[in-house]
mmCIF file of all heavy atoms, coordinates in Angstrom:
data_MODEL
# 
_entry.id   MODEL 
# 
loop_
_atom_site.group_PDB 
_atom_site.id 
_atom_site.type_symbol 
_atom_site.label_atom_id 
_atom_site.label_alt_id 
_atom_site.label_comp_id 
_atom_site.label_asym_id 
_atom_site.label_entity_id 
_atom_site.label_seq_id 
_atom_site.pdbx_PDB_ins_code 
_atom_site.Cartn_x 
_atom_site.Cartn_y 
_atom_site.Cartn_z 
_atom_site.occupancy 
_atom_site.B_iso_or_equiv 
_atom_site.pdbx_formal_charge 
_atom_site.auth_seq_id 
_atom_site.auth_comp_id 
_atom_site.auth_asym_id 
_atom_site.auth_atom_id 
_atom_site.pdbx_PDB_model_num 
ATOM 1   N N   . PHE A 1 1  ? 112.859 111.354 88.334  1.00 0.00 ? 1  PHE A N   1 
ATOM 2   C CA  . PHE A 1 1  ? 114.071 110.662 88.756  1.00 0.00 ? 1  PHE A CA  1 
ATOM 3   C C   . PHE A 1 1  ? 115.082 110.479 87.625  1.00 0.00 ? 1  PHE A C   1 
ATOM 4   O O   . PHE A 1 1  ? 116.202 110.034 87.884  1.00 0.00 ? 1  PHE A O   1 
ATOM 5   C CB  . PHE A 1 1  ? 113.716 109.289 89.329  1.00 0.00 ? 1  PHE A CB  1 
ATOM 6   C CG  . PHE A 1 1  ? 112.979 109.344 90.630  1.00 0.00 ? 1  PHE A CG  1 
ATOM 7   C CD1 . PHE A 1 1  ? 111.602 109.387 90.666  1.00 0.00 ? 1  PHE A CD1 1 
ATOM 8   C CD2 . PHE A 1 1  ? 113.664 109.361 91.831  1.00 0.00 ? 1  PHE A CD2 1 
ATOM 9   C CE1 . PHE A 1 1  ? 110.904 109.441 91.863  1.00 0.00 ? 1  PHE A CE1 1 
ATOM 10  C CE2 . PHE A 1 1  ? 112.992 109.411 93.044  1.00 0.00 ? 1  PHE A CE2 1 
ATOM 11  C CZ  . PHE A 1 1  ? 111.602 109.456 93.062  1.00 0.00 ? 1  PHE A CZ  1 
ATOM 12  N N   . GLY A 1 2  ? 114.698 110.792 86.400  1.00 0.00 ? 2  GLY A N   1 
ATOM 13  C CA  . GLY A 1 2  ? 115.580 110.476 85.287  1.00 0.00 ? 2  GLY A CA  1 
ATOM 14  C C   . GLY A 1 2  ? 115.632 108.977 85.081  1.00 0.00 ? 2  GLY A C   1 
ATOM 15  O O   . GLY A 1 2  ? 114.741 108.239 85.495  1.00 0.00 ? 2  GLY A O   1 
ATOM 16  N N   . ASP A 1 3  ? 116.707 108.501 84.437  1.00 0.00 ? 3  ASP A N   1 
ATOM 17  C CA  . ASP A 1 3  ? 116.814 107.067 84.167  1.00 0.00 ? 3  ASP A CA  1 
ATOM 18  C C   . ASP A 1 3  ? 117.438 106.326 85.356  1.00 0.00 ? 3  ASP A C   1 
ATOM 19  O O   . ASP A 1 3  ? 118.475 105.680 85.248  1.00 0.00 ? 3  ASP A O   1 
ATOM 20  C CB  . ASP A 1 3  ? 117.572 106.802 82.862  1.00 0.00 ? 3  ASP A CB  1 
ATOM 21  C CG  . ASP A 1 3  ? 118.933 107.460 82.829  1.00 0.00 ? 3  ASP A CG  1 
ATOM 22  O OD1 . ASP A 1 3  ? 119.351 108.060 83.847  1.00 0.00 ? 3  ASP A OD1 1 
ATOM 23  O OD2 . ASP A 1 3  ? 119.595 107.394 81.780  1.00 0.00 ? 3  ASP A OD2 1 
ATOM 24  N N   . GLU A 1 4  ? 116.770 106.436 86.501  1.00 0.00 ? 4  GLU A N   1 
ATOM 25  C CA  . GLU A 1 4  ? 117.130 105.682 87.696  1.00 0.00 ? 4  GLU A CA  1 
ATOM 26  C C   . GLU A 1 4  ? 115.891 104.957 88.190  1.00 0.00 ? 4  GLU A C   1 
ATOM 27  O O   . GLU A 1 4  ? 114.798 105.516 88.182  1.00 0.00 ? 4  GLU A O   1 
ATOM 28  C CB  . GLU A 1 4  ? 117.654 106.601 88.804  1.00 0.00 ? 4  GLU A CB  1 
ATOM 29  C CG  . GLU A 1 4  ? 118.991 107.248 88.502  1.00 0.00 ? 4  GLU A CG  1 
ATOM 30  C CD  . GLU A 1 4  ? 119.547 107.972 89.714  1.00 0.00 ? 4  GLU A CD  1 
ATOM 31  O OE1 . GLU A 1 4  ? 119.210 107.579 90.855  1.00 0.00 ? 4  GLU A OE1 1 
ATOM 32  O OE2 . GLU A 1 4  ? 120.302 108.927 89.521  1.00 0.00 ? 4  GLU A OE2 1 
ATOM 33  N N   . PHE A 1 5  ? 116.086 103.720 88.641  1.00 0.00 ? 5  PHE A N   1 
ATOM 34  C CA  . PHE A 1 5  ? 114.975 102.935 89.178  1.00 0.00 ? 5  PHE A CA  1 
ATOM 35  C C   . PHE A 1 5  ? 114.860 103.276 90.658  1.00 0.00 ? 5  PHE A C   1 
ATOM 36  O O   . PHE A 1 5  ? 115.769 102.978 91.435  1.00 0.00 ? 5  PHE A O   1 
ATOM 37  C CB  . PHE A 1 5  ? 115.230 101.447 88.976  1.00 0.00 ? 5  PHE A CB  1 
ATOM 38  C CG  . PHE A 1 5  ? 114.008 100.597 89.127  1.00 0.00 ? 5  PHE A CG  1 
ATOM 39  C CD1 . PHE A 1 5  ? 113.226 100.304 88.024  1.00 0.00 ? 5  PHE A CD1 1 
ATOM 40  C CD2 . PHE A 1 5  ? 113.620 100.108 90.364  1.00 0.00 ? 5  PHE A CD2 1 
ATOM 41  C CE1 . PHE A 1 5  ? 112.081 99.524  88.147  1.00 0.00 ? 5  PHE A CE1 1 
ATOM 42  C CE2 . PHE A 1 5  ? 112.485 99.332  90.505  1.00 0.00 ? 5  PHE A CE2 1 
ATOM 43  C CZ  . PHE A 1 5  ? 111.707 99.035  89.390  1.00 0.00 ? 5  PHE A CZ  1 
ATOM 44  N N   . PRO A 1 6  ? 113.757 103.904 91.104  1.00 0.00 ? 6  PRO A N   1 
ATOM 45  C CA  . PRO A 1 6  ? 113.751 104.504 92.437  1.00 0.00 ? 6  PRO A CA  1 
ATOM 46  C C   . PRO A 1 6  ? 113.324 103.601 93.585  1.00 0.00 ? 6  PRO A C   1 
ATOM 47  O O   . PRO A 1 6  ? 113.341 104.023 94.734  1.00 0.00 ? 6  PRO A O   1 
ATOM 48  C CB  . PRO A 1 6  ? 112.747 105.652 92.267  1.00 0.00 ? 6  PRO A CB  1 
ATOM 49  C CG  . PRO A 1 6  ? 111.794 105.156 91.234  1.00 0.00 ? 6  PRO A CG  1 
ATOM 50  C CD  . PRO A 1 6  ? 112.595 104.286 90.299  1.00 0.00 ? 6  PRO A CD  1 
ATOM 51  N N   . ILE A 1 7  ? 112.910 102.347 93.301  1.00 0.00 ? 7  ILE A N   1 
ATOM 52  C CA  . ILE A 1 7  ? 112.410 101.455 94.355  1.00 0.00 ? 7  ILE A CA  1 
ATOM 53  C C   . ILE A 1 7  ? 113.335 100.253 94.486  1.00 0.00 ? 7  ILE A C   1 
ATOM 54  O O   . ILE A 1 7  ? 113.755 99.671  93.494  1.00 0.00 ? 7  ILE A O   1 
ATOM 55  C CB  . ILE A 1 7  ? 110.986 100.958 94.035  1.00 0.00 ? 7  ILE A CB  1 
ATOM 56  C CG1 . ILE A 1 7  ? 110.013 102.133 93.894  1.00 0.00 ? 7  ILE A CG1 1 
ATOM 57  C CG2 . ILE A 1 7  ? 110.490 100.007 95.121  1.00 0.00 ? 7  ILE A CG2 1 
ATOM 58  C CD1 . ILE A 1 7  ? 108.630 101.726 93.407  1.00 0.00 ? 7  ILE A CD1 1 
ATOM 59  N N   . ARG A 1 8  ? 113.618 99.890  95.718  1.00 0.00 ? 8  ARG A N   1 
ATOM 60  C CA  . ARG A 1 8  ? 114.475 98.722  95.981  1.00 0.00 ? 8  ARG A CA  1 
ATOM 61  C C   . ARG A 1 8  ? 113.738 97.747  96.897  1.00 0.00 ? 8  ARG A C   1 
ATOM 62  O O   . ARG A 1 8  ? 113.128 98.150  97.881  1.00 0.00 ? 8  ARG A O   1 
ATOM 63  C CB  . ARG A 1 8  ? 115.765 99.183  96.668  1.00 0.00 ? 8  ARG A CB  1 
ATOM 64  C CG  . ARG A 1 8  ? 116.738 98.061  96.985  1.00 0.00 ? 8  ARG A CG  1 
ATOM 65  C CD  . ARG A 1 8  ? 117.810 98.533  97.951  1.00 0.00 ? 8  ARG A CD  1 
ATOM 66  N NE  . ARG A 1 8  ? 117.305 98.597  99.308  1.00 0.00 ? 8  ARG A NE  1 
ATOM 67  C CZ  . ARG A 1 8  ? 117.991 99.100  100.346 1.00 0.00 ? 8  ARG A CZ  1 
ATOM 68  N NH1 . ARG A 1 8  ? 119.181 99.619  100.141 1.00 0.00 ? 8  ARG A NH1 1 
ATOM 69  N NH2 . ARG A 1 8  ? 117.478 99.102  101.558 1.00 0.00 ? 8  ARG A NH2 1 
ATOM 70  N N   . PHE A 1 9  ? 113.803 96.459  96.566  1.00 0.00 ? 9  PHE A N   1 
ATOM 71  C CA  . PHE A 1 9  ? 113.333 95.381  97.452  1.00 0.00 ? 9  PHE A CA  1 
ATOM 72  C C   . PHE A 1 9  ? 114.528 94.472  97.745  1.00 0.00 ? 9  PHE A C   1 
ATOM 73  O O   . PHE A 1 9  ? 115.211 94.023  96.820  1.00 0.00 ? 9  PHE A O   1 
ATOM 74  C CB  . PHE A 1 9  ? 112.251 94.522  96.771  1.00 0.00 ? 9  PHE A CB  1 
ATOM 75  C CG  . PHE A 1 9  ? 110.845 95.044  96.878  1.00 0.00 ? 9  PHE A CG  1 
ATOM 76  C CD1 . PHE A 1 9  ? 110.556 96.391  96.805  1.00 0.00 ? 9  PHE A CD1 1 
ATOM 77  C CD2 . PHE A 1 9  ? 109.788 94.154  97.017  1.00 0.00 ? 9  PHE A CD2 1 
ATOM 78  C CE1 . PHE A 1 9  ? 109.249 96.858  96.870  1.00 0.00 ? 9  PHE A CE1 1 
ATOM 79  C CE2 . PHE A 1 9  ? 108.465 94.596  97.084  1.00 0.00 ? 9  PHE A CE2 1 
ATOM 80  C CZ  . PHE A 1 9  ? 108.200 95.948  97.014  1.00 0.00 ? 9  PHE A CZ  1 
ATOM 81  N N   . ASP A 1 10 ? 114.774 94.191  99.001  1.00 0.00 ? 10 ASP A N   1 
ATOM 82  C CA  . ASP A 1 10 ? 115.803 93.203  99.345  1.00 0.00 ? 10 ASP A CA  1 
ATOM 83  C C   . ASP A 1 10 ? 115.442 92.525  100.654 1.00 0.00 ? 10 ASP A C   1 
ATOM 84  O O   . ASP A 1 10 ? 114.575 92.985  101.392 1.00 0.00 ? 10 ASP A O   1 
ATOM 85  C CB  . ASP A 1 10 ? 117.183 93.866  99.435  1.00 0.00 ? 10 ASP A CB  1 
ATOM 86  C CG  . ASP A 1 10 ? 117.263 94.896  100.547 1.00 0.00 ? 10 ASP A CG  1 
ATOM 87  O OD1 . ASP A 1 10 ? 116.964 96.089  100.288 1.00 0.00 ? 10 ASP A OD1 1 
ATOM 88  O OD2 . ASP A 1 10 ? 117.619 94.537  101.667 1.00 0.00 ? 10 ASP A OD2 1 
ATOM 89  N N   . PHE A 1 11 ? 116.118 91.401  100.931 1.00 0.00 ? 11 PHE A N   1 
ATOM 90  C CA  . PHE A 1 11 ? 115.884 90.637  102.149 1.00 0.00 ? 11 PHE A CA  1 
ATOM 91  C C   . PHE A 1 11 ? 117.015 90.864  103.142 1.00 0.00 ? 11 PHE A C   1 
ATOM 92  O O   . PHE A 1 11 ? 118.194 90.929  102.757 1.00 0.00 ? 11 PHE A O   1 
ATOM 93  C CB  . PHE A 1 11 ? 115.829 89.134  101.849 1.00 0.00 ? 11 PHE A CB  1 
ATOM 94  C CG  . PHE A 1 11 ? 114.800 88.737  100.829 1.00 0.00 ? 11 PHE A CG  1 
ATOM 95  C CD1 . PHE A 1 11 ? 115.182 88.205  99.609  1.00 0.00 ? 11 PHE A CD1 1 
ATOM 96  C CD2 . PHE A 1 11 ? 113.444 88.880  101.089 1.00 0.00 ? 11 PHE A CD2 1 
ATOM 97  C CE1 . PHE A 1 11 ? 114.241 87.824  98.664  1.00 0.00 ? 11 PHE A CE1 1 
ATOM 98  C CE2 . PHE A 1 11 ? 112.491 88.503  100.151 1.00 0.00 ? 11 PHE A CE2 1 
ATOM 99  C CZ  . PHE A 1 11 ? 112.889 87.973  98.935  1.00 0.00 ? 11 PHE A CZ  1 
ATOM 100 N N   . LEU A 1 12 ? 116.650 90.950  104.427 1.00 0.00 ? 12 LEU A N   1 
ATOM 101 C CA  . LEU A 1 12 ? 117.615 90.975  105.524 1.00 0.00 ? 12 LEU A CA  1 
ATOM 102 C C   . LEU A 1 12 ? 117.284 89.783  106.420 1.00 0.00 ? 12 LEU A C   1 
ATOM 103 O O   . LEU A 1 12 ? 116.232 89.757  107.048 1.00 0.00 ? 12 LEU A O   1 
ATOM 104 C CB  . LEU A 1 12 ? 117.506 92.291  106.318 1.00 0.00 ? 12 LEU A CB  1 
ATOM 105 C CG  . LEU A 1 12 ? 117.611 93.584  105.507 1.00 0.00 ? 12 LEU A CG  1 
ATOM 106 C CD1 . LEU A 1 12 ? 117.302 94.787  106.391 1.00 0.00 ? 12 LEU A CD1 1 
ATOM 107 C CD2 . LEU A 1 12 ? 118.987 93.723  104.885 1.00 0.00 ? 12 LEU A CD2 1 
ATOM 108 N N   . ASP A 1 13 ? 118.167 88.806  106.448 1.00 0.00 ? 13 ASP A N   1 
ATOM 109 C CA  . ASP A 1 13 ? 117.901 87.546  107.155 1.00 0.00 ? 13 ASP A CA  1 
ATOM 110 C C   . ASP A 1 13 ? 118.716 87.493  108.440 1.00 0.00 ? 13 ASP A C   1 
ATOM 111 O O   . ASP A 1 13 ? 119.947 87.422  108.403 1.00 0.00 ? 13 ASP A O   1 
ATOM 112 C CB  . ASP A 1 13 ? 118.265 86.376  106.237 1.00 0.00 ? 13 ASP A CB  1 
ATOM 113 C CG  . ASP A 1 13 ? 118.026 85.011  106.882 1.00 0.00 ? 13 ASP A CG  1 
ATOM 114 O OD1 . ASP A 1 13 ? 117.549 84.959  108.035 1.00 0.00 ? 13 ASP A OD1 1 
ATOM 115 O OD2 . ASP A 1 13 ? 118.316 83.999  106.221 1.00 0.00 ? 13 ASP A OD2 1 
ATOM 116 N N   . THR A 1 14 ? 118.017 87.531  109.599 1.00 0.00 ? 14 THR A N   1 
ATOM 117 C CA  . THR A 1 14 ? 118.703 87.378  110.878 1.00 0.00 ? 14 THR A CA  1 
ATOM 118 C C   . THR A 1 14 ? 118.226 86.128  111.628 1.00 0.00 ? 14 THR A C   1 
ATOM 119 O O   . THR A 1 14 ? 118.470 85.997  112.821 1.00 0.00 ? 14 THR A O   1 
ATOM 120 C CB  . THR A 1 14 ? 118.490 88.613  111.777 1.00 0.00 ? 14 THR A CB  1 
ATOM 121 O OG1 . THR A 1 14 ? 117.098 88.706  112.140 1.00 0.00 ? 14 THR A OG1 1 
ATOM 122 C CG2 . THR A 1 14 ? 118.911 89.889  111.073 1.00 0.00 ? 14 THR A CG2 1 
ATOM 123 N N   . MET A 1 15 ? 117.534 85.213  110.938 1.00 0.00 ? 15 MET A N   1 
ATOM 124 C CA  . MET A 1 15 ? 117.077 83.980  111.579 1.00 0.00 ? 15 MET A CA  1 
ATOM 125 C C   . MET A 1 15 ? 118.276 83.170  112.065 1.00 0.00 ? 15 MET A C   1 
ATOM 126 O O   . MET A 1 15 ? 119.133 82.771  111.264 1.00 0.00 ? 15 MET A O   1 
ATOM 127 C CB  . MET A 1 15 ? 116.255 83.144  110.599 1.00 0.00 ? 15 MET A CB  1 
ATOM 128 C CG  . MET A 1 15 ? 114.848 83.642  110.375 1.00 0.00 ? 15 MET A CG  1 
ATOM 129 S SD  . MET A 1 15 ? 113.798 83.370  111.806 1.00 0.00 ? 15 MET A SD  1 
ATOM 130 C CE  . MET A 1 15 ? 112.196 83.723  111.077 1.00 0.00 ? 15 MET A CE  1 
ATOM 131 N N   . GLU A 1 16 ? 118.334 82.950  113.380 1.00 0.00 ? 16 GLU A N   1 
ATOM 132 C CA  . GLU A 1 16 ? 119.467 82.270  114.009 1.00 0.00 ? 16 GLU A CA  1 
ATOM 133 C C   . GLU A 1 16 ? 120.751 83.078  113.818 1.00 0.00 ? 16 GLU A C   1 
ATOM 134 O O   . GLU A 1 16 ? 121.858 82.533  113.904 1.00 0.00 ? 16 GLU A O   1 
ATOM 135 C CB  . GLU A 1 16 ? 119.636 80.844  113.479 1.00 0.00 ? 16 GLU A CB  1 
ATOM 136 C CG  . GLU A 1 16 ? 118.404 79.973  113.666 1.00 0.00 ? 16 GLU A CG  1 
ATOM 137 C CD  . GLU A 1 16 ? 118.562 78.597  113.052 1.00 0.00 ? 16 GLU A CD  1 
ATOM 138 O OE1 . GLU A 1 16 ? 119.681 78.036  113.104 1.00 0.00 ? 16 GLU A OE1 1 
ATOM 139 O OE2 . GLU A 1 16 ? 117.567 78.086  112.503 1.00 0.00 ? 16 GLU A OE2 1 
ATOM 140 N N   . GLY A 1 17 ? 120.583 84.385  113.563 1.00 0.00 ? 17 GLY A N   1 
ATOM 141 C CA  . GLY A 1 17 ? 121.732 85.269  113.404 1.00 0.00 ? 17 GLY A CA  1 
ATOM 142 C C   . GLY A 1 17 ? 121.747 86.320  114.498 1.00 0.00 ? 17 GLY A C   1 
ATOM 143 O O   . GLY A 1 17 ? 121.363 86.058  115.632 1.00 0.00 ? 17 GLY A O   1 
ATOM 144 N N   . GLY A 1 18 ? 122.171 87.522  114.147 1.00 0.00 ? 18 GLY A N   1 
ATOM 145 C CA  . GLY A 1 18 ? 122.286 88.585  115.137 1.00 0.00 ? 18 GLY A CA  1 
ATOM 146 C C   . GLY A 1 18 ? 121.557 89.840  114.698 1.00 0.00 ? 18 GLY A C   1 
ATOM 147 O O   . GLY A 1 18 ? 120.943 89.896  113.626 1.00 0.00 ? 18 GLY A O   1 
ATOM 148 N N   . ASN A 1 19 ? 121.634 90.872  115.539 1.00 0.00 ? 19 ASN A N   1 
ATOM 149 C CA  . ASN A 1 19 ? 121.036 92.153  115.199 1.00 0.00 ? 19 ASN A CA  1 
ATOM 150 C C   . ASN A 1 19 ? 121.802 92.809  114.052 1.00 0.00 ? 19 ASN A C   1 
ATOM 151 O O   . ASN A 1 19 ? 123.021 92.647  113.931 1.00 0.00 ? 19 ASN A O   1 
ATOM 152 C CB  . ASN A 1 19 ? 121.093 93.114  116.388 1.00 0.00 ? 19 ASN A CB  1 
ATOM 153 C CG  . ASN A 1 19 ? 120.343 92.604  117.600 1.00 0.00 ? 19 ASN A CG  1 
ATOM 154 O OD1 . ASN A 1 19 ? 119.480 91.740  117.492 1.00 0.00 ? 19 ASN A OD1 1 
ATOM 155 N ND2 . ASN A 1 19 ? 120.679 93.141  118.766 1.00 0.00 ? 19 ASN A ND2 1 
ATOM 156 N N   . LEU A 1 20 ? 121.075 93.566  113.227 1.00 0.00 ? 20 LEU A N   1 
ATOM 157 C CA  . LEU A 1 20 ? 121.766 94.447  112.300 1.00 0.00 ? 20 LEU A CA  1 
ATOM 158 C C   . LEU A 1 20 ? 122.485 95.527  113.098 1.00 0.00 ? 20 LEU A C   1 
ATOM 159 O O   . LEU A 1 20 ? 122.280 95.668  114.304 1.00 0.00 ? 20 LEU A O   1 
ATOM 160 C CB  . LEU A 1 20 ? 120.762 95.112  111.345 1.00 0.00 ? 20 LEU A CB  1 
ATOM 161 C CG  . LEU A 1 20 ? 120.420 94.374  110.044 1.00 0.00 ? 20 LEU A CG  1 
ATOM 162 C CD1 . LEU A 1 20 ? 119.676 93.085  110.335 1.00 0.00 ? 20 LEU A CD1 1 
ATOM 163 C CD2 . LEU A 1 20 ? 119.588 95.264  109.134 1.00 0.00 ? 20 LEU A CD2 1 
ATOM 164 N N   . SER A 1 21 ? 123.308 96.320  112.447 1.00 0.00 ? 21 SER A N   1 
ATOM 165 C CA  . SER A 1 21 ? 123.917 97.452  113.131 1.00 0.00 ? 21 SER A CA  1 
ATOM 166 C C   . SER A 1 21 ? 122.862 98.488  113.475 1.00 0.00 ? 21 SER A C   1 
ATOM 167 O O   . SER A 1 21 ? 121.853 98.629  112.769 1.00 0.00 ? 21 SER A O   1 
ATOM 168 C CB  . SER A 1 21 ? 124.993 98.090  112.242 1.00 0.00 ? 21 SER A CB  1 
ATOM 169 O OG  . SER A 1 21 ? 124.416 98.574  111.045 1.00 0.00 ? 21 SER A OG  1 
ATOM 170 N N   . LEU A 1 22 ? 123.061 99.210  114.574 1.00 0.00 ? 22 LEU A N   1 
ATOM 171 C CA  . LEU A 1 22 ? 122.228 100.360 114.895 1.00 0.00 ? 22 LEU A CA  1 
ATOM 172 C C   . LEU A 1 22 ? 122.623 101.465 113.927 1.00 0.00 ? 22 LEU A C   1 
ATOM 173 O O   . LEU A 1 22 ? 123.821 101.779 113.800 1.00 0.00 ? 22 LEU A O   1 
ATOM 174 C CB  . LEU A 1 22 ? 122.465 100.787 116.337 1.00 0.00 ? 22 LEU A CB  1 
ATOM 175 C CG  . LEU A 1 22 ? 121.449 101.744 116.947 1.00 0.00 ? 22 LEU A CG  1 
ATOM 176 C CD1 . LEU A 1 22 ? 120.089 101.055 117.090 1.00 0.00 ? 22 LEU A CD1 1 
ATOM 177 C CD2 . LEU A 1 22 ? 121.942 102.248 118.291 1.00 0.00 ? 22 LEU A CD2 1 
ATOM 178 N N   . GLN A 1 23 ? 121.651 102.079 113.237 1.00 0.00 ? 23 GLN A N   1 
ATOM 179 C CA  . GLN A 1 23 ? 121.997 102.911 112.091 1.00 0.00 ? 23 GLN A CA  1 
ATOM 180 C C   . GLN A 1 23 ? 120.992 104.021 111.854 1.00 0.00 ? 23 GLN A C   1 
ATOM 181 O O   . GLN A 1 23 ? 119.907 104.042 112.452 1.00 0.00 ? 23 GLN A O   1 
ATOM 182 C CB  . GLN A 1 23 ? 122.100 102.028 110.845 1.00 0.00 ? 23 GLN A CB  1 
ATOM 183 C CG  . GLN A 1 23 ? 120.830 101.256 110.550 1.00 0.00 ? 23 GLN A CG  1 
ATOM 184 C CD  . GLN A 1 23 ? 121.012 100.173 109.494 1.00 0.00 ? 23 GLN A CD  1 
ATOM 185 O OE1 . GLN A 1 23 ? 120.428 100.267 108.410 1.00 0.00 ? 23 GLN A OE1 1 
ATOM 186 N NE2 . GLN A 1 23 ? 121.798 99.138  109.819 1.00 0.00 ? 23 GLN A NE2 1 
ATOM 187 N N   . VAL A 1 24 ? 121.353 104.906 110.915 1.00 0.00 ? 24 VAL A N   1 
ATOM 188 C CA  . VAL A 1 24 ? 120.481 105.997 110.502 1.00 0.00 ? 24 VAL A CA  1 
ATOM 189 C C   . VAL A 1 24 ? 120.846 106.359 109.071 1.00 0.00 ? 24 VAL A C   1 
ATOM 190 O O   . VAL A 1 24 ? 121.994 106.168 108.647 1.00 0.00 ? 24 VAL A O   1 
ATOM 191 C CB  . VAL A 1 24 ? 120.618 107.205 111.463 1.00 0.00 ? 24 VAL A CB  1 
ATOM 192 C CG1 . VAL A 1 24 ? 122.012 107.820 111.377 1.00 0.00 ? 24 VAL A CG1 1 
ATOM 193 C CG2 . VAL A 1 24 ? 119.553 108.254 111.199 1.00 0.00 ? 24 VAL A CG2 1 
ATOM 194 N N   . HIS A 1 25 ? 119.873 106.884 108.317 1.00 0.00 ? 25 HIS A N   1 
ATOM 195 C CA  . HIS A 1 25 ? 120.112 107.278 106.927 1.00 0.00 ? 25 HIS A CA  1 
ATOM 196 C C   . HIS A 1 25 ? 120.051 108.794 106.781 1.00 0.00 ? 25 HIS A C   1 
ATOM 197 O O   . HIS A 1 25 ? 119.358 109.477 107.548 1.00 0.00 ? 25 HIS A O   1 
ATOM 198 C CB  . HIS A 1 25 ? 119.089 106.621 106.000 1.00 0.00 ? 25 HIS A CB  1 
ATOM 199 C CG  . HIS A 1 25 ? 119.105 105.129 106.054 1.00 0.00 ? 25 HIS A CG  1 
ATOM 200 N ND1 . HIS A 1 25 ? 120.229 104.395 105.768 1.00 0.00 ? 25 HIS A ND1 1 
ATOM 201 C CD2 . HIS A 1 25 ? 118.139 104.231 106.390 1.00 0.00 ? 25 HIS A CD2 1 
ATOM 202 C CE1 . HIS A 1 25 ? 119.958 103.108 105.918 1.00 0.00 ? 25 HIS A CE1 1 
ATOM 203 N NE2 . HIS A 1 25 ? 118.697 102.986 106.295 1.00 0.00 ? 25 HIS A NE2 1 
ATOM 204 N N   . PRO A 1 26 ? 120.753 109.353 105.785 1.00 0.00 ? 26 PRO A N   1 
ATOM 205 C CA  . PRO A 1 26 ? 120.851 110.812 105.668 1.00 0.00 ? 26 PRO A CA  1 
ATOM 206 C C   . PRO A 1 26 ? 119.570 111.472 105.177 1.00 0.00 ? 26 PRO A C   1 
ATOM 207 O O   . PRO A 1 26 ? 118.787 110.876 104.436 1.00 0.00 ? 26 PRO A O   1 
ATOM 208 C CB  . PRO A 1 26 ? 121.974 110.992 104.640 1.00 0.00 ? 26 PRO A CB  1 
ATOM 209 C CG  . PRO A 1 26 ? 121.956 109.739 103.832 1.00 0.00 ? 26 PRO A CG  1 
ATOM 210 C CD  . PRO A 1 26 ? 121.568 108.652 104.788 1.00 0.00 ? 26 PRO A CD  1 
# 
């Protein structure tokens, strides 16, 4: 990968919220 950090962790919070967008990745 070279000098790139290849793993990502993040939170998606929809508690008392709504749906994420309907989506797709390349």
